[in-house]
Amino acid sequence: MNYEVKHNPEASRFEIELGDKIAHADYHISGNVMTIFHVYTPPEYRGKGIAAQIAKFALNYIRANKFKVIPQCPYMHGYIVGHKEEQDLVN
Protein backbone atom coordinates (compact mmCIF):
# COMPACT_ATOMS: atom_id res chain seq x y z
CA MET A 1 0.00 0.00 0.00
CA ASN A 2 1.24 3.48 -0.82
CA TYR A 3 0.97 6.19 1.79
CA GLU A 4 1.30 9.94 1.35
CA VAL A 5 4.68 11.11 2.62
CA LYS A 6 4.84 14.76 3.64
CA HIS A 7 7.81 16.97 4.37
CA ASN A 8 7.37 18.79 7.67
CA PRO A 9 10.26 21.29 7.72
CA GLU A 10 9.04 22.89 10.97
CA ALA A 11 9.59 19.56 12.74
CA SER A 12 12.66 18.67 10.59
CA ARG A 13 11.18 15.41 9.43
CA PHE A 14 9.45 13.48 6.67
CA GLU A 15 6.27 11.80 7.84
CA ILE A 16 3.28 9.61 7.10
CA GLU A 17 0.09 10.00 9.11
CA LEU A 18 -1.31 6.64 10.20
CA GLY A 19 -4.55 7.50 11.93
CA ASP A 20 -3.55 8.91 15.30
CA LYS A 21 0.09 7.80 14.89
CA ILE A 22 2.94 9.08 12.72
CA ALA A 23 5.81 7.27 11.04
CA HIS A 24 8.73 9.62 10.43
CA ALA A 25 12.36 10.22 9.52
CA ASP A 26 14.04 12.93 11.57
CA TYR A 27 16.89 15.00 10.20
CA HIS A 28 19.02 18.07 10.63
CA ILE A 29 20.65 20.13 7.92
CA SER A 30 24.07 21.73 7.99
CA GLY A 31 25.03 23.54 4.80
CA ASN A 32 24.17 21.20 1.95
CA VAL A 33 24.23 18.02 4.07
CA MET A 34 21.15 16.40 5.57
CA THR A 35 21.84 13.98 8.41
CA ILE A 36 19.02 11.50 8.91
CA PHE A 37 19.38 10.35 12.48
CA HIS A 38 16.15 8.46 13.19
CA VAL A 39 13.51 6.56 11.22
CA TYR A 40 10.48 5.37 13.21
CA THR A 41 7.41 3.34 12.34
CA PRO A 42 4.84 2.52 15.04
CA PRO A 43 5.14 -1.19 15.94
CA GLU A 44 1.72 -2.17 14.61
CA TYR A 45 2.62 -0.77 11.16
CA ARG A 46 6.07 -2.35 10.79
CA GLY A 47 6.74 -4.74 7.95
CA LYS A 48 4.43 -2.91 5.54
CA GLY A 49 7.11 -0.92 3.64
CA ILE A 50 6.25 2.37 5.32
CA ALA A 51 9.82 3.19 6.37
CA ALA A 52 11.00 2.40 2.83
CA GLN A 53 8.49 4.86 1.39
CA ILE A 54 9.74 7.55 3.75
CA ALA A 55 13.38 6.75 2.93
CA LYS A 56 12.73 6.94 -0.82
CA PHE A 57 10.86 10.24 -0.45
CA ALA A 58 13.65 11.69 1.70
CA LEU A 59 16.35 10.64 -0.76
CA ASN A 60 14.36 12.06 -3.68
CA TYR A 61 14.11 15.34 -1.74
CA ILE A 62 17.85 15.28 -1.04
CA ARG A 63 18.67 14.67 -4.70
CA ALA A 64 16.24 17.34 -5.97
CA ASN A 65 17.75 19.92 -3.60
CA LYS A 66 21.36 18.97 -4.42
CA PHE A 67 22.09 17.90 -0.86
CA LYS A 68 24.26 15.06 0.37
CA VAL A 69 23.15 12.69 3.12
CA ILE A 70 24.72 11.25 6.23
CA PRO A 71 22.64 8.18 7.13
CA GLN A 72 23.25 7.98 10.89
CA CYS A 73 20.13 5.89 11.42
CA PRO A 74 20.74 2.15 10.93
CA TYR A 75 17.54 1.82 8.88
CA MET A 76 18.51 4.62 6.48
CA HIS A 77 22.04 3.27 6.20
CA GLY A 78 20.71 -0.18 5.33
CA TYR A 79 18.26 1.26 2.83
CA ILE A 80 21.05 3.07 0.98
CA VAL A 81 23.31 0.00 1.04
CA GLY A 82 20.49 -1.98 -0.55
CA HIS A 83 19.78 0.67 -3.21
CA LYS A 84 22.99 1.24 -5.13
CA GLU A 85 21.38 4.02 -7.19
CA GLU A 86 21.22 6.16 -4.01
CA GLN A 87 24.81 5.68 -2.87
CA ASP A 88 26.09 8.73 -4.77
CA LEU A 89 24.15 10.87 -2.27
CA VAL A 90 26.22 9.76 0.72
CA ASN A 91 28.54 12.41 2.09
C-alpha atoms as a PDB file:
ATOM      1  CA  MET A   1       0.000   0.000   0.000  1.00  0.00           C
ATOM      2  CA  ASN A   2       1.244   3.481  -0.817  1.00  0.00           C
ATOM      3  CA  TYR A   3       0.968   6.193   1.789  1.00  0.00           C
ATOM      4  CA  GLU A   4       1.302   9.937   1.349  1.00  0.00           C
ATOM      5  CA  VAL A   5       4.676  11.112   2.621  1.00  0.00           C
ATOM      6  CA  LYS A   6       4.844  14.758   3.643  1.00  0.00           C
ATOM      7  CA  HIS A   7       7.810  16.970   4.366  1.00  0.00           C
ATOM      8  CA  ASN A   8       7.370  18.789   7.675  1.00  0.00           C
ATOM      9  CA  PRO A   9      10.255  21.285   7.718  1.00  0.00           C
ATOM     10  CA  GLU A  10       9.036  22.894  10.965  1.00  0.00           C
ATOM     11  CA  ALA A  11       9.589  19.561  12.740  1.00  0.00           C
ATOM     12  CA  SER A  12      12.656  18.666  10.591  1.00  0.00           C
ATOM     13  CA  ARG A  13      11.181  15.410   9.427  1.00  0.00           C
ATOM     14  CA  PHE A  14       9.449  13.483   6.673  1.00  0.00           C
ATOM     15  CA  GLU A  15       6.267  11.800   7.840  1.00  0.00           C
ATOM     16  CA  ILE A  16       3.285   9.605   7.095  1.00  0.00           C
ATOM     17  CA  GLU A  17       0.092   9.996   9.114  1.00  0.00           C
ATOM     18  CA  LEU A  18      -1.306   6.638  10.201  1.00  0.00           C
ATOM     19  CA  GLY A  19      -4.554   7.504  11.932  1.00  0.00           C
ATOM     20  CA  ASP A  20      -3.546   8.908  15.297  1.00  0.00           C
ATOM     21  CA  LYS A  21       0.087   7.797  14.887  1.00  0.00           C
ATOM     22  CA  ILE A  22       2.936   9.077  12.717  1.00  0.00           C
ATOM     23  CA  ALA A  23       5.815   7.268  11.036  1.00  0.00           C
ATOM     24  CA  HIS A  24       8.734   9.620  10.433  1.00  0.00           C
ATOM     25  CA  ALA A  25      12.357  10.217   9.524  1.00  0.00           C
ATOM     26  CA  ASP A  26      14.038  12.932  11.573  1.00  0.00           C
ATOM     27  CA  TYR A  27      16.894  14.997  10.200  1.00  0.00           C
ATOM     28  CA  HIS A  28      19.022  18.066  10.630  1.00  0.00           C
ATOM     29  CA  ILE A  29      20.647  20.129   7.916  1.00  0.00           C
ATOM     30  CA  SER A  30      24.070  21.729   7.987  1.00  0.00           C
ATOM     31  CA  GLY A  31      25.027  23.540   4.802  1.00  0.00           C
ATOM     32  CA  ASN A  32      24.167  21.204   1.952  1.00  0.00           C
ATOM     33  CA  VAL A  33      24.230  18.023   4.071  1.00  0.00           C
ATOM     34  CA  MET A  34      21.155  16.397   5.575  1.00  0.00           C
ATOM     35  CA  THR A  35      21.841  13.981   8.414  1.00  0.00           C
ATOM     36  CA  ILE A  36      19.017  11.504   8.910  1.00  0.00           C
ATOM     37  CA  PHE A  37      19.382  10.345  12.484  1.00  0.00           C
ATOM     38  CA  HIS A  38      16.152   8.459  13.193  1.00  0.00           C
ATOM     39  CA  VAL A  39      13.509   6.562  11.224  1.00  0.00           C
ATOM     40  CA  TYR A  40      10.482   5.374  13.213  1.00  0.00           C
ATOM     41  CA  THR A  41       7.415   3.341  12.340  1.00  0.00           C
ATOM     42  CA  PRO A  42       4.844   2.517  15.045  1.00  0.00           C
ATOM     43  CA  PRO A  43       5.136  -1.194  15.939  1.00  0.00           C
ATOM     44  CA  GLU A  44       1.724  -2.175  14.609  1.00  0.00           C
ATOM     45  CA  TYR A  45       2.623  -0.766  11.158  1.00  0.00           C
ATOM     46  CA  ARG A  46       6.068  -2.348  10.795  1.00  0.00           C
ATOM     47  CA  GLY A  47       6.740  -4.741   7.947  1.00  0.00           C
ATOM     48  CA  LYS A  48       4.434  -2.906   5.536  1.00  0.00           C
ATOM     49  CA  GLY A  49       7.107  -0.921   3.637  1.00  0.00           C
ATOM     50  CA  ILE A  50       6.250   2.373   5.320  1.00  0.00           C
ATOM     51  CA  ALA A  51       9.819   3.194   6.374  1.00  0.00           C
ATOM     52  CA  ALA A  52      10.999   2.398   2.833  1.00  0.00           C
ATOM     53  CA  GLN A  53       8.488   4.863   1.389  1.00  0.00           C
ATOM     54  CA  ILE A  54       9.740   7.552   3.754  1.00  0.00           C
ATOM     55  CA  ALA A  55      13.380   6.748   2.927  1.00  0.00           C
ATOM     56  CA  LYS A  56      12.731   6.938  -0.823  1.00  0.00           C
ATOM     57  CA  PHE A  57      10.860  10.237  -0.453  1.00  0.00           C
ATOM     58  CA  ALA A  58      13.650  11.691   1.700  1.00  0.00           C
ATOM     59  CA  LEU A  59      16.352  10.642  -0.762  1.00  0.00           C
ATOM     60  CA  ASN A  60      14.365  12.065  -3.681  1.00  0.00           C
ATOM     61  CA  TYR A  61      14.113  15.341  -1.742  1.00  0.00           C
ATOM     62  CA  ILE A  62      17.853  15.280  -1.036  1.00  0.00           C
ATOM     63  CA  ARG A  63      18.667  14.669  -4.698  1.00  0.00           C
ATOM     64  CA  ALA A  64      16.245  17.339  -5.968  1.00  0.00           C
ATOM     65  CA  ASN A  65      17.751  19.919  -3.598  1.00  0.00           C
ATOM     66  CA  LYS A  66      21.358  18.974  -4.420  1.00  0.00           C
ATOM     67  CA  PHE A  67      22.092  17.899  -0.856  1.00  0.00           C
ATOM     68  CA  LYS A  68      24.261  15.063   0.369  1.00  0.00           C
ATOM     69  CA  VAL A  69      23.152  12.687   3.116  1.00  0.00           C
ATOM     70  CA  ILE A  70      24.724  11.245   6.226  1.00  0.00           C
ATOM     71  CA  PRO A  71      22.645   8.175   7.126  1.00  0.00           C
ATOM     72  CA  GLN A  72      23.252   7.982  10.892  1.00  0.00           C
ATOM     73  CA  CYS A  73      20.133   5.891  11.419  1.00  0.00           C
ATOM     74  CA  PRO A  74      20.740   2.149  10.929  1.00  0.00           C
ATOM     75  CA  TYR A  75      17.544   1.820   8.881  1.00  0.00           C
ATOM     76  CA  MET A  76      18.509   4.618   6.475  1.00  0.00           C
ATOM     77  CA  HIS A  77      22.044   3.269   6.202  1.00  0.00           C
ATOM     78  CA  GLY A  78      20.712  -0.177   5.332  1.00  0.00           C
ATOM     79  CA  TYR A  79      18.265   1.258   2.826  1.00  0.00           C
ATOM     80  CA  ILE A  80      21.047   3.072   0.983  1.00  0.00           C
ATOM     81  CA  VAL A  81      23.315   0.004   1.042  1.00  0.00           C
ATOM     82  CA  GLY A  82      20.487  -1.978  -0.554  1.00  0.00           C
ATOM     83  CA  HIS A  83      19.782   0.674  -3.206  1.00  0.00           C
ATOM     84  CA  LYS A  84      22.992   1.242  -5.126  1.00  0.00           C
ATOM     85  CA  GLU A  85      21.380   4.018  -7.192  1.00  0.00           C
ATOM     86  CA  GLU A  86      21.218   6.156  -4.013  1.00  0.00           C
ATOM     87  CA  GLN A  87      24.811   5.675  -2.874  1.00  0.00           C
ATOM     88  CA  ASP A  88      26.090   8.731  -4.766  1.00  0.00           C
ATOM     89  CA  LEU A  89      24.153  10.868  -2.265  1.00  0.00           C
ATOM     90  CA  VAL A  90      26.224   9.763   0.723  1.00  0.00           C
ATOM     91  CA  ASN A  91      28.540  12.410   2.094  1.00  0.00           C
END
